[in-house]
N, C-alpha and C. Protein backbone atom coordinates (compact mmCIF):
# COMPACT_ATOMS: atom_id res chain seq x y z
N MET A 1 -6.19 -6.70 23.10
CA MET A 1 -5.15 -6.22 22.38
C MET A 1 -5.56 -5.59 21.03
N ARG A 2 -5.77 -4.10 20.96
CA ARG A 2 -6.72 -3.52 20.11
C ARG A 2 -5.65 -3.23 18.95
N VAL A 3 -6.01 -3.84 17.75
CA VAL A 3 -5.26 -3.88 16.25
C VAL A 3 -6.36 -3.58 15.13
N THR A 4 -5.66 -2.87 14.19
CA THR A 4 -6.78 -2.22 12.61
C THR A 4 -6.12 -3.31 11.71
N VAL A 5 -7.18 -4.11 10.60
CA VAL A 5 -6.87 -4.26 9.22
C VAL A 5 -7.28 -3.08 8.57
N ALA A 6 -6.57 -2.91 7.59
CA ALA A 6 -7.15 -1.99 6.70
C ALA A 6 -6.27 -2.72 5.12
N TRP A 7 -7.07 -2.63 4.43
CA TRP A 7 -6.93 -3.10 3.16
C TRP A 7 -7.63 -2.35 1.66
N SER A 8 -7.26 -1.72 0.57
CA SER A 8 -7.95 -1.22 -0.50
C SER A 8 -7.62 -2.16 -1.28
N PRO A 9 -8.96 -1.99 -2.02
CA PRO A 9 -9.40 -2.67 -3.16
C PRO A 9 -9.50 -1.72 -4.21
N GLY A 10 -9.09 -0.88 -4.40
CA GLY A 10 -8.97 0.54 -5.49
C GLY A 10 -8.40 1.70 -5.28
N PRO A 11 -7.92 2.24 -5.99
CA PRO A 11 -7.32 3.56 -5.60
C PRO A 11 -8.52 4.31 -4.56
N ARG A 12 -7.79 5.17 -3.86
CA ARG A 12 -8.42 6.16 -3.11
C ARG A 12 -9.41 4.95 -2.44
N GLU A 13 -9.43 3.89 -1.99
CA GLU A 13 -10.97 3.35 -1.83
C GLU A 13 -9.83 2.54 -0.38
N VAL A 14 -10.55 2.76 1.32
CA VAL A 14 -10.04 2.08 2.00
C VAL A 14 -10.96 1.51 2.64
N ARG A 15 -10.79 0.13 3.14
CA ARG A 15 -11.84 -0.47 4.07
C ARG A 15 -10.48 -0.73 5.68
N GLU A 16 -11.15 -0.89 6.72
CA GLU A 16 -10.74 -0.67 7.78
C GLU A 16 -11.38 -1.56 9.04
N TRP A 17 -11.10 -2.47 9.77
CA TRP A 17 -11.57 -3.17 10.67
C TRP A 17 -10.99 -2.74 11.80
N ALA A 18 -11.61 -2.46 12.85
CA ALA A 18 -11.15 -2.09 14.24
C ALA A 18 -11.33 -3.23 14.95
N LEU A 19 -9.89 -4.16 15.92
CA LEU A 19 -10.70 -5.33 16.19
C LEU A 19 -10.00 -5.72 17.61
N GLN A 20 -10.54 -6.77 18.62
CA GLN A 20 -10.09 -6.74 19.94
C GLN A 20 -9.65 -7.83 19.60
N LEU A 21 -8.10 -8.42 19.91
CA LEU A 21 -7.80 -9.76 19.84
C LEU A 21 -7.45 -10.63 21.23
N PRO A 22 -6.74 -11.41 21.26
CA PRO A 22 -6.62 -11.93 22.95
C PRO A 22 -4.68 -11.97 22.70
N GLU A 23 -3.93 -11.74 23.64
CA GLU A 23 -2.42 -11.17 23.56
C GLU A 23 -2.01 -12.51 22.60
N GLY A 24 -0.88 -12.05 22.34
CA GLY A 24 -0.23 -13.49 21.20
C GLY A 24 -0.75 -13.39 19.83
N SER A 25 -1.77 -12.87 19.61
CA SER A 25 -2.65 -13.11 18.43
C SER A 25 -1.60 -12.83 16.78
N THR A 26 -1.80 -13.51 15.79
CA THR A 26 -0.74 -13.20 14.57
C THR A 26 -1.33 -12.41 13.69
N VAL A 27 -0.72 -12.44 12.79
CA VAL A 27 -1.21 -11.43 11.82
C VAL A 27 -2.49 -12.15 10.73
N ARG A 28 -1.85 -13.53 10.40
CA ARG A 28 -3.23 -14.39 10.26
C ARG A 28 -4.50 -14.58 11.10
N ASP A 29 -4.58 -14.45 12.04
CA ASP A 29 -5.62 -14.39 13.23
C ASP A 29 -6.31 -13.04 13.08
N ALA A 30 -5.50 -11.58 12.57
CA ALA A 30 -6.63 -10.56 12.85
C ALA A 30 -7.08 -10.40 11.43
N VAL A 31 -6.51 -10.49 10.31
CA VAL A 31 -6.52 -10.87 8.88
C VAL A 31 -7.91 -12.03 9.01
N LEU A 32 -8.01 -12.84 9.48
CA LEU A 32 -9.32 -13.63 9.64
C LEU A 32 -10.37 -13.04 10.45
N ALA A 33 -9.94 -12.77 11.48
CA ALA A 33 -11.08 -11.65 12.43
C ALA A 33 -11.83 -10.62 11.60
N SER A 34 -11.12 -10.19 10.68
CA SER A 34 -11.78 -9.00 9.89
C SER A 34 -12.52 -9.47 8.99
N GLY A 35 -12.89 -11.08 8.13
CA GLY A 35 -13.58 -10.77 7.15
C GLY A 35 -12.94 -10.43 6.32
N TRP A 36 -11.70 -9.91 6.01
CA TRP A 36 -10.85 -9.72 4.42
C TRP A 36 -11.53 -10.91 3.64
N PRO A 37 -11.20 -11.93 3.53
CA PRO A 37 -10.88 -12.87 2.80
C PRO A 37 -12.94 -13.28 2.27
N ARG A 38 -13.37 -13.06 3.22
CA ARG A 38 -15.15 -12.60 2.47
C ARG A 38 -15.14 -11.61 1.55
N GLU A 39 -14.52 -10.76 2.08
CA GLU A 39 -14.64 -9.40 0.65
C GLU A 39 -13.54 -9.90 -0.24
N ASP A 40 -12.75 -10.48 -0.01
CA ASP A 40 -12.15 -10.66 -1.56
C ASP A 40 -11.90 -11.58 -1.68
N ALA A 41 -12.75 -12.63 -2.28
CA ALA A 41 -12.54 -14.47 -2.38
C ALA A 41 -11.40 -14.62 -3.58
N SER A 42 -10.86 -14.12 -4.16
CA SER A 42 -9.83 -14.36 -5.22
C SER A 42 -8.73 -14.50 -4.32
N HIS A 43 -8.46 -14.45 -3.32
CA HIS A 43 -7.41 -14.23 -2.59
C HIS A 43 -7.60 -14.90 -1.07
N GLY A 44 -6.40 -15.74 -0.85
CA GLY A 44 -6.49 -15.73 0.52
C GLY A 44 -5.59 -15.40 1.40
N VAL A 45 -5.65 -15.94 2.83
CA VAL A 45 -4.46 -14.75 3.75
C VAL A 45 -3.26 -15.40 3.37
N GLU A 46 -2.81 -16.69 3.08
CA GLU A 46 -1.49 -17.05 2.93
C GLU A 46 -0.72 -16.91 1.33
N ARG A 47 -1.48 -16.71 0.81
CA ARG A 47 -0.57 -16.05 -0.56
C ARG A 47 -1.00 -14.33 -0.63
N ALA A 48 -1.70 -13.60 0.15
CA ALA A 48 -1.94 -12.29 0.62
C ALA A 48 -0.08 -11.59 0.85
N ASP A 49 0.18 -10.57 0.45
CA ASP A 49 0.91 -9.62 0.63
C ASP A 49 0.76 -9.15 1.66
N LEU A 50 1.02 -8.95 3.15
CA LEU A 50 0.81 -8.48 4.20
C LEU A 50 1.89 -7.68 4.89
N GLY A 51 1.58 -6.64 5.55
CA GLY A 51 2.35 -5.78 6.36
C GLY A 51 1.98 -5.28 7.30
N VAL A 52 2.82 -4.59 8.07
CA VAL A 52 2.59 -4.20 10.06
C VAL A 52 2.96 -2.71 9.80
N TRP A 53 2.48 -2.06 9.94
CA TRP A 53 2.82 -0.03 9.51
C TRP A 53 3.58 -0.05 8.81
N GLY A 54 3.45 -0.63 7.47
CA GLY A 54 3.88 0.05 5.88
C GLY A 54 5.32 -0.98 5.91
N ARG A 55 5.50 -2.30 6.70
CA ARG A 55 6.66 -3.14 6.68
C ARG A 55 6.09 -4.38 6.25
N ARG A 56 6.99 -4.94 5.31
CA ARG A 56 6.35 -6.45 4.96
C ARG A 56 6.31 -7.32 6.28
N CYS A 57 5.59 -8.42 6.28
CA CYS A 57 5.85 -9.29 7.24
C CYS A 57 5.12 -10.83 6.98
N THR A 58 5.17 -11.73 7.43
CA THR A 58 4.65 -12.82 7.23
C THR A 58 3.51 -13.29 8.28
N ALA A 59 2.53 -13.81 7.80
CA ALA A 59 1.44 -14.45 8.37
C ALA A 59 1.45 -14.77 10.10
N ASP A 60 2.72 -15.23 10.18
CA ASP A 60 3.17 -15.95 11.43
C ASP A 60 3.44 -14.82 12.41
N GLN A 61 3.37 -13.39 12.08
CA GLN A 61 4.85 -12.14 13.08
C GLN A 61 3.31 -12.28 14.04
N VAL A 62 3.74 -12.05 15.06
CA VAL A 62 3.17 -12.02 16.63
C VAL A 62 2.91 -10.35 16.74
N LEU A 63 1.38 -9.93 17.08
CA LEU A 63 1.06 -8.56 17.06
C LEU A 63 0.99 -8.02 18.30
N ARG A 64 1.17 -6.59 18.50
CA ARG A 64 1.67 -6.05 19.80
C ARG A 64 0.23 -5.13 19.87
N GLU A 65 -0.13 -4.56 20.62
CA GLU A 65 -1.21 -3.54 21.27
C GLU A 65 -0.80 -2.44 20.04
N GLY A 66 -2.16 -1.87 19.12
CA GLY A 66 -2.21 -0.64 18.54
C GLY A 66 -1.69 -1.02 17.53
N ASP A 67 -1.05 -2.60 16.52
CA ASP A 67 -0.70 -2.43 15.24
C ASP A 67 -1.62 -2.21 14.20
N ARG A 68 -1.22 -1.95 13.32
CA ARG A 68 -1.82 -1.73 12.27
C ARG A 68 -1.66 -2.69 10.66
N VAL A 69 -2.30 -3.51 10.92
CA VAL A 69 -2.07 -4.81 9.51
C VAL A 69 -2.82 -4.26 8.65
N GLU A 70 -2.06 -4.53 7.34
CA GLU A 70 -2.06 -3.82 6.44
C GLU A 70 -2.04 -5.07 5.21
N VAL A 71 -3.28 -5.48 4.18
CA VAL A 71 -3.06 -6.37 3.28
C VAL A 71 -2.94 -5.58 1.95
N TYR A 72 -1.89 -5.84 1.39
CA TYR A 72 -1.46 -5.11 -0.02
C TYR A 72 -2.09 -6.24 -1.26
N ARG A 73 -1.91 -4.81 -2.45
CA ARG A 73 -2.97 -5.59 -3.62
C ARG A 73 -1.96 -5.69 -4.61
N GLY A 74 -1.50 -6.76 -5.69
CA GLY A 74 -0.68 -6.20 -6.42
C GLY A 74 -0.76 -5.70 -6.94
N LEU A 75 1.08 -4.54 -7.76
CA LEU A 75 0.74 -3.51 -8.97
C LEU A 75 0.22 -3.99 -9.90
N LEU A 76 -0.29 -3.22 -10.59
CA LEU A 76 -0.79 -3.20 -12.14
C LEU A 76 0.19 -3.13 -13.10
N VAL A 77 1.04 -1.97 -12.27
CA VAL A 77 2.00 -1.54 -13.63
C VAL A 77 3.30 -0.82 -12.88
N ASP A 78 4.51 -1.56 -13.40
CA ASP A 78 5.77 -1.00 -13.02
C ASP A 78 5.86 0.07 -12.81
N PRO A 79 6.05 0.55 -11.15
CA PRO A 79 6.41 2.07 -10.99
C PRO A 79 7.26 2.89 -12.20
N LYS A 80 8.66 2.30 -12.75
CA LYS A 80 9.22 2.57 -13.38
C LYS A 80 8.89 2.93 -14.37
N VAL A 81 8.24 1.74 -15.11
CA VAL A 81 7.23 1.98 -16.36
C VAL A 81 6.74 3.23 -16.58
N ALA A 82 5.85 2.88 -15.33
CA ALA A 82 4.74 4.38 -15.70
C ALA A 82 5.53 5.81 -15.34
N ARG A 83 6.63 6.15 -14.81
CA ARG A 83 7.30 7.25 -14.68
C ARG A 83 7.39 7.33 -16.39
N ARG A 84 8.12 6.55 -16.65
CA ARG A 84 8.99 7.22 -18.02
C ARG A 84 7.76 7.30 -18.86
N GLU A 85 6.67 6.60 -18.98
CA GLU A 85 5.30 6.64 -19.67
C GLU A 85 4.78 8.44 -19.35
N ARG A 86 4.89 8.54 -18.29
CA ARG A 86 4.75 9.97 -17.81
C ARG A 86 5.39 10.75 -18.32
N PHE A 87 6.66 10.93 -17.84
CA PHE A 87 7.76 11.70 -18.47
C PHE A 87 7.71 11.69 -20.41
N ARG A 88 7.49 10.62 -20.73
CA ARG A 88 7.46 10.78 -22.25
C ARG A 88 6.35 11.75 -22.94
N LYS A 89 5.02 11.47 -21.71
CA LYS A 89 3.75 12.38 -22.84
C LYS A 89 3.58 14.13 -22.18
N GLN A 90 4.28 14.30 -21.10
CA GLN A 90 4.59 15.16 -21.05
C GLN A 90 5.59 16.23 -21.41
N GLY A 91 6.75 15.56 -22.13
CA GLY A 91 7.94 15.84 -22.73
C GLY A 91 8.95 16.44 -21.64
N ALA A 92 10.20 16.49 -22.35
CA ALA A 92 11.30 16.54 -21.65
C ALA A 92 11.39 17.93 -20.98
N ARG A 93 10.71 19.17 -21.26
CA ARG A 93 10.44 20.30 -21.06
C ARG A 93 10.01 20.83 -19.98
N ALA A 94 8.69 19.82 -19.94
CA ALA A 94 7.37 20.18 -19.15
C ALA A 94 8.20 19.73 -17.62
N THR A 95 8.80 18.76 -17.31
CA THR A 95 9.10 18.32 -16.30
C THR A 95 9.95 18.50 -15.38
N GLY A 96 10.28 18.44 -14.07
CA GLY A 96 11.58 18.51 -13.32
C GLY A 96 12.16 19.74 -13.23
N LEU A 97 13.90 20.18 -13.60
CA LEU A 97 14.04 20.98 -13.30
C LEU A 97 13.97 22.11 -14.05
N PHE A 98 13.31 21.54 -15.49
CA PHE A 98 13.14 22.38 -16.31
C PHE A 98 11.99 23.30 -16.44
N ALA A 99 11.05 22.48 -15.58
CA ALA A 99 9.58 23.21 -15.80
C ALA A 99 9.31 24.64 -15.81
N LYS A 100 10.02 25.34 -14.76
CA LYS A 100 10.09 26.71 -14.75
C LYS A 100 11.02 27.38 -14.76
N ARG A 101 11.65 27.56 -15.57
CA ARG A 101 12.85 28.18 -15.81
C ARG A 101 12.09 29.93 -16.29
N ARG A 102 13.70 30.67 -15.51
CA ARG A 102 13.35 32.09 -15.41
C ARG A 102 13.14 32.56 -16.74
N PRO A 103 12.38 33.79 -17.16
CA PRO A 103 12.77 34.66 -18.43
C PRO A 103 13.76 34.79 -18.23
N GLY A 104 14.51 34.33 -20.07
CA GLY A 104 15.86 35.48 -20.15
C GLY A 104 16.86 34.48 -19.63
N GLY A 105 16.81 33.06 -18.69
CA GLY A 105 17.47 32.17 -18.16
C GLY A 105 18.29 31.23 -19.17
N LYS A 106 18.98 30.36 -18.74
CA LYS A 106 19.86 29.57 -19.88
C LYS A 106 18.86 28.40 -19.41
N ALA A 107 18.90 27.82 -20.85
CA ALA A 107 18.31 26.20 -20.61
C ALA A 107 19.09 25.20 -19.69
N GLY A 108 18.11 24.77 -18.07
CA GLY A 108 18.55 23.61 -17.28
C GLY A 108 18.83 24.57 -16.14
N TYR A 109 18.47 25.98 -16.45
CA TYR A 109 19.04 26.78 -14.68
C TYR A 109 17.23 27.13 -14.46
């Protein structure tokens, strides 16, 4: 069975491993076969956030032909806080509905 293991060590950087595994292999087997723990020794397979095709899963999940196993990084900043900070920097008039106002139009339209 062919599966792919993907991991992003940083922004805009992705490492992928295409693997041939026996039927009945688990997510843990795929991650260990990829060599990922050697790449990032600060994490272990058991503590890692894992997913298959963008859906979180446990390391014990059995894989199917063509699955893409993903090893996720932790978030550095809460997305809601980051959005608030971007909005604060840009100002209320430079974002969303108010960004492209028609000349002579009312505020908010």
